[in-house]
């Protein structure tokens, strides 16, 4: 059951270290998406961080990004 608990990992965004807590499934999916796009997870996190609103935390923004990625992919499969 520990795989459902968030794990804190360090990221570097624009030269500054920050910690993000995500469940293993989200870390795995986030790494996969970064790899598909030819980006480091730090660079992808920077992109997400730059586009998120001030009312949302980075961890939540990453989760929503991962969800949107796979929803878009599922939508393309239905066509």
C-alpha atoms as a PDB file:
ATOM      1  CA  UNK A   1       0.000   0.000   0.000  1.00  0.00           C
ATOM      2  CA  UNK A   2       2.982   2.366   0.292  1.00  0.00           C
ATOM      3  CA  UNK A   3       2.897   2.982  -3.478  1.00  0.00           C
ATOM      4  CA  UNK A   4      -0.188   5.140  -2.873  1.00  0.00           C
ATOM      5  CA  UNK A   5       1.600   7.443  -0.450  1.00  0.00           C
ATOM      6  CA  UNK A   6       3.181  10.530  -1.964  1.00  0.00           C
ATOM      7  CA  UNK A   7       6.976  10.509  -2.230  1.00  0.00           C
ATOM      8  CA  UNK A   8       8.875  13.730  -1.956  1.00  0.00           C
ATOM      9  CA  UNK A   9      11.514  14.337  -4.597  1.00  0.00           C
ATOM     10  CA  UNK A  10      13.672  17.340  -5.366  1.00  0.00           C
ATOM     11  CA  UNK A  11      13.434  19.216  -8.640  1.00  0.00           C
ATOM     12  CA  UNK A  12      15.427  22.169  -9.901  1.00  0.00           C
ATOM     13  CA  UNK A  13      13.322  24.880 -11.542  1.00  0.00           C
ATOM     14  CA  UNK A  14      15.149  27.807 -13.103  1.00  0.00           C
ATOM     15  CA  UNK A  15      18.173  27.109 -10.888  1.00  0.00           C
ATOM     16  CA  UNK A  16      16.194  26.828  -7.647  1.00  0.00           C
ATOM     17  CA  UNK A  17      15.650  23.570  -5.766  1.00  0.00           C
ATOM     18  CA  UNK A  18      12.134  22.666  -4.716  1.00  0.00           C
ATOM     19  CA  UNK A  19      10.470  19.541  -3.367  1.00  0.00           C
ATOM     20  CA  UNK A  20       7.383  17.958  -4.878  1.00  0.00           C
ATOM     21  CA  UNK A  21       5.332  15.135  -3.376  1.00  0.00           C
ATOM     22  CA  UNK A  22       3.628  12.779  -5.831  1.00  0.00           C
ATOM     23  CA  UNK A  23       2.465   9.185  -5.735  1.00  0.00           C
ATOM     24  CA  UNK A  24       4.739   6.687  -7.517  1.00  0.00           C
ATOM     25  CA  UNK A  25       2.256   6.263 -10.379  1.00  0.00           C
ATOM     26  CA  UNK A  26       2.415  10.005 -11.074  1.00  0.00           C
ATOM     27  CA  UNK A  27       6.224  10.097 -10.831  1.00  0.00           C
ATOM     28  CA  UNK A  28       6.428   7.188 -13.294  1.00  0.00           C
ATOM     29  CA  UNK A  29       3.940   8.778 -15.713  1.00  0.00           C
ATOM     30  CA  UNK A  30       5.646  12.171 -15.409  1.00  0.00           C
ATOM     31  CA  UNK A  31       9.035  10.622 -16.255  1.00  0.00           C
ATOM     32  CA  UNK A  32       7.505   8.744 -19.202  1.00  0.00           C
ATOM     33  CA  UNK A  33       5.961  11.923 -20.619  1.00  0.00           C
ATOM     34  CA  UNK A  34       9.224  13.844 -20.224  1.00  0.00           C
ATOM     35  CA  UNK A  35      11.077  11.033 -21.994  1.00  0.00           C
ATOM     36  CA  UNK A  36       8.523  10.980 -24.847  1.00  0.00           C
ATOM     37  CA  UNK A  37       9.059  14.708 -25.311  1.00  0.00           C
ATOM     38  CA  UNK A  38      12.846  14.500 -25.078  1.00  0.00           C
ATOM     39  CA  UNK A  39      12.900  16.623 -21.924  1.00  0.00           C
ATOM     40  CA  UNK A  40      14.320  16.204 -18.460  1.00  0.00           C
ATOM     41  CA  UNK A  41      11.741  16.057 -15.685  1.00  0.00           C
ATOM     42  CA  UNK A  42      13.167  19.349 -14.407  1.00  0.00           C
ATOM     43  CA  UNK A  43      12.545  21.043 -17.764  1.00  0.00           C
ATOM     44  CA  UNK A  44       9.032  19.636 -18.038  1.00  0.00           C
ATOM     45  CA  UNK A  45       8.324  20.739 -14.468  1.00  0.00           C
ATOM     46  CA  UNK A  46       9.557  24.239 -15.356  1.00  0.00           C
ATOM     47  CA  UNK A  47       7.132  24.368 -18.274  1.00  0.00           C
ATOM     48  CA  UNK A  48       4.243  23.280 -16.058  1.00  0.00           C
ATOM     49  CA  UNK A  49       5.279  25.679 -13.308  1.00  0.00           C
ATOM     50  CA  UNK A  50       5.475  28.598 -15.752  1.00  0.00           C
ATOM     51  CA  UNK A  51       1.970  27.931 -17.063  1.00  0.00           C
ATOM     52  CA  UNK A  52       0.124  27.199 -13.809  1.00  0.00           C
ATOM     53  CA  UNK A  53      -1.946  29.776 -12.042  1.00  0.00           C
ATOM     54  CA  UNK A  54      -1.090  31.185  -8.654  1.00  0.00           C
ATOM     55  CA  UNK A  55      -3.991  29.329  -7.049  1.00  0.00           C
ATOM     56  CA  UNK A  56      -2.518  25.890  -7.728  1.00  0.00           C
ATOM     57  CA  UNK A  57       0.476  24.120  -6.220  1.00  0.00           C
ATOM     58  CA  UNK A  58       3.120  22.499  -8.394  1.00  0.00           C
ATOM     59  CA  UNK A  59       2.254  18.932  -7.321  1.00  0.00           C
ATOM     60  CA  UNK A  60      -1.391  19.450  -8.233  1.00  0.00           C
ATOM     61  CA  UNK A  61      -0.420  21.076 -11.524  1.00  0.00           C
ATOM     62  CA  UNK A  62       1.771  18.075 -12.392  1.00  0.00           C
ATOM     63  CA  UNK A  63      -1.034  15.634 -11.540  1.00  0.00           C
ATOM     64  CA  UNK A  64      -3.475  17.579 -13.748  1.00  0.00           C
ATOM     65  CA  UNK A  65      -0.886  17.724 -16.540  1.00  0.00           C
ATOM     66  CA  UNK A  66      -0.404  13.941 -16.400  1.00  0.00           C
ATOM     67  CA  UNK A  67      -4.175  13.390 -16.367  1.00  0.00           C
ATOM     68  CA  UNK A  68      -4.666  15.718 -19.361  1.00  0.00           C
ATOM     69  CA  UNK A  69      -1.868  13.977 -21.271  1.00  0.00           C
ATOM     70  CA  UNK A  70      -3.459  10.559 -20.902  1.00  0.00           C
ATOM     71  CA  UNK A  71      -6.984  11.861 -21.509  1.00  0.00           C
ATOM     72  CA  UNK A  72      -5.796  13.435 -24.756  1.00  0.00           C
ATOM     73  CA  UNK A  73      -4.134  10.167 -25.727  1.00  0.00           C
ATOM     74  CA  UNK A  74      -7.305   8.195 -24.928  1.00  0.00           C
ATOM     75  CA  UNK A  75      -9.347  10.661 -27.006  1.00  0.00           C
ATOM     76  CA  UNK A  76      -7.055  10.149 -29.981  1.00  0.00           C
ATOM     77  CA  UNK A  77      -7.530   6.395 -29.711  1.00  0.00           C
ATOM     78  CA  UNK A  78     -11.324   6.768 -30.032  1.00  0.00           C
ATOM     79  CA  UNK A  79     -11.108   8.512 -33.397  1.00  0.00           C
END
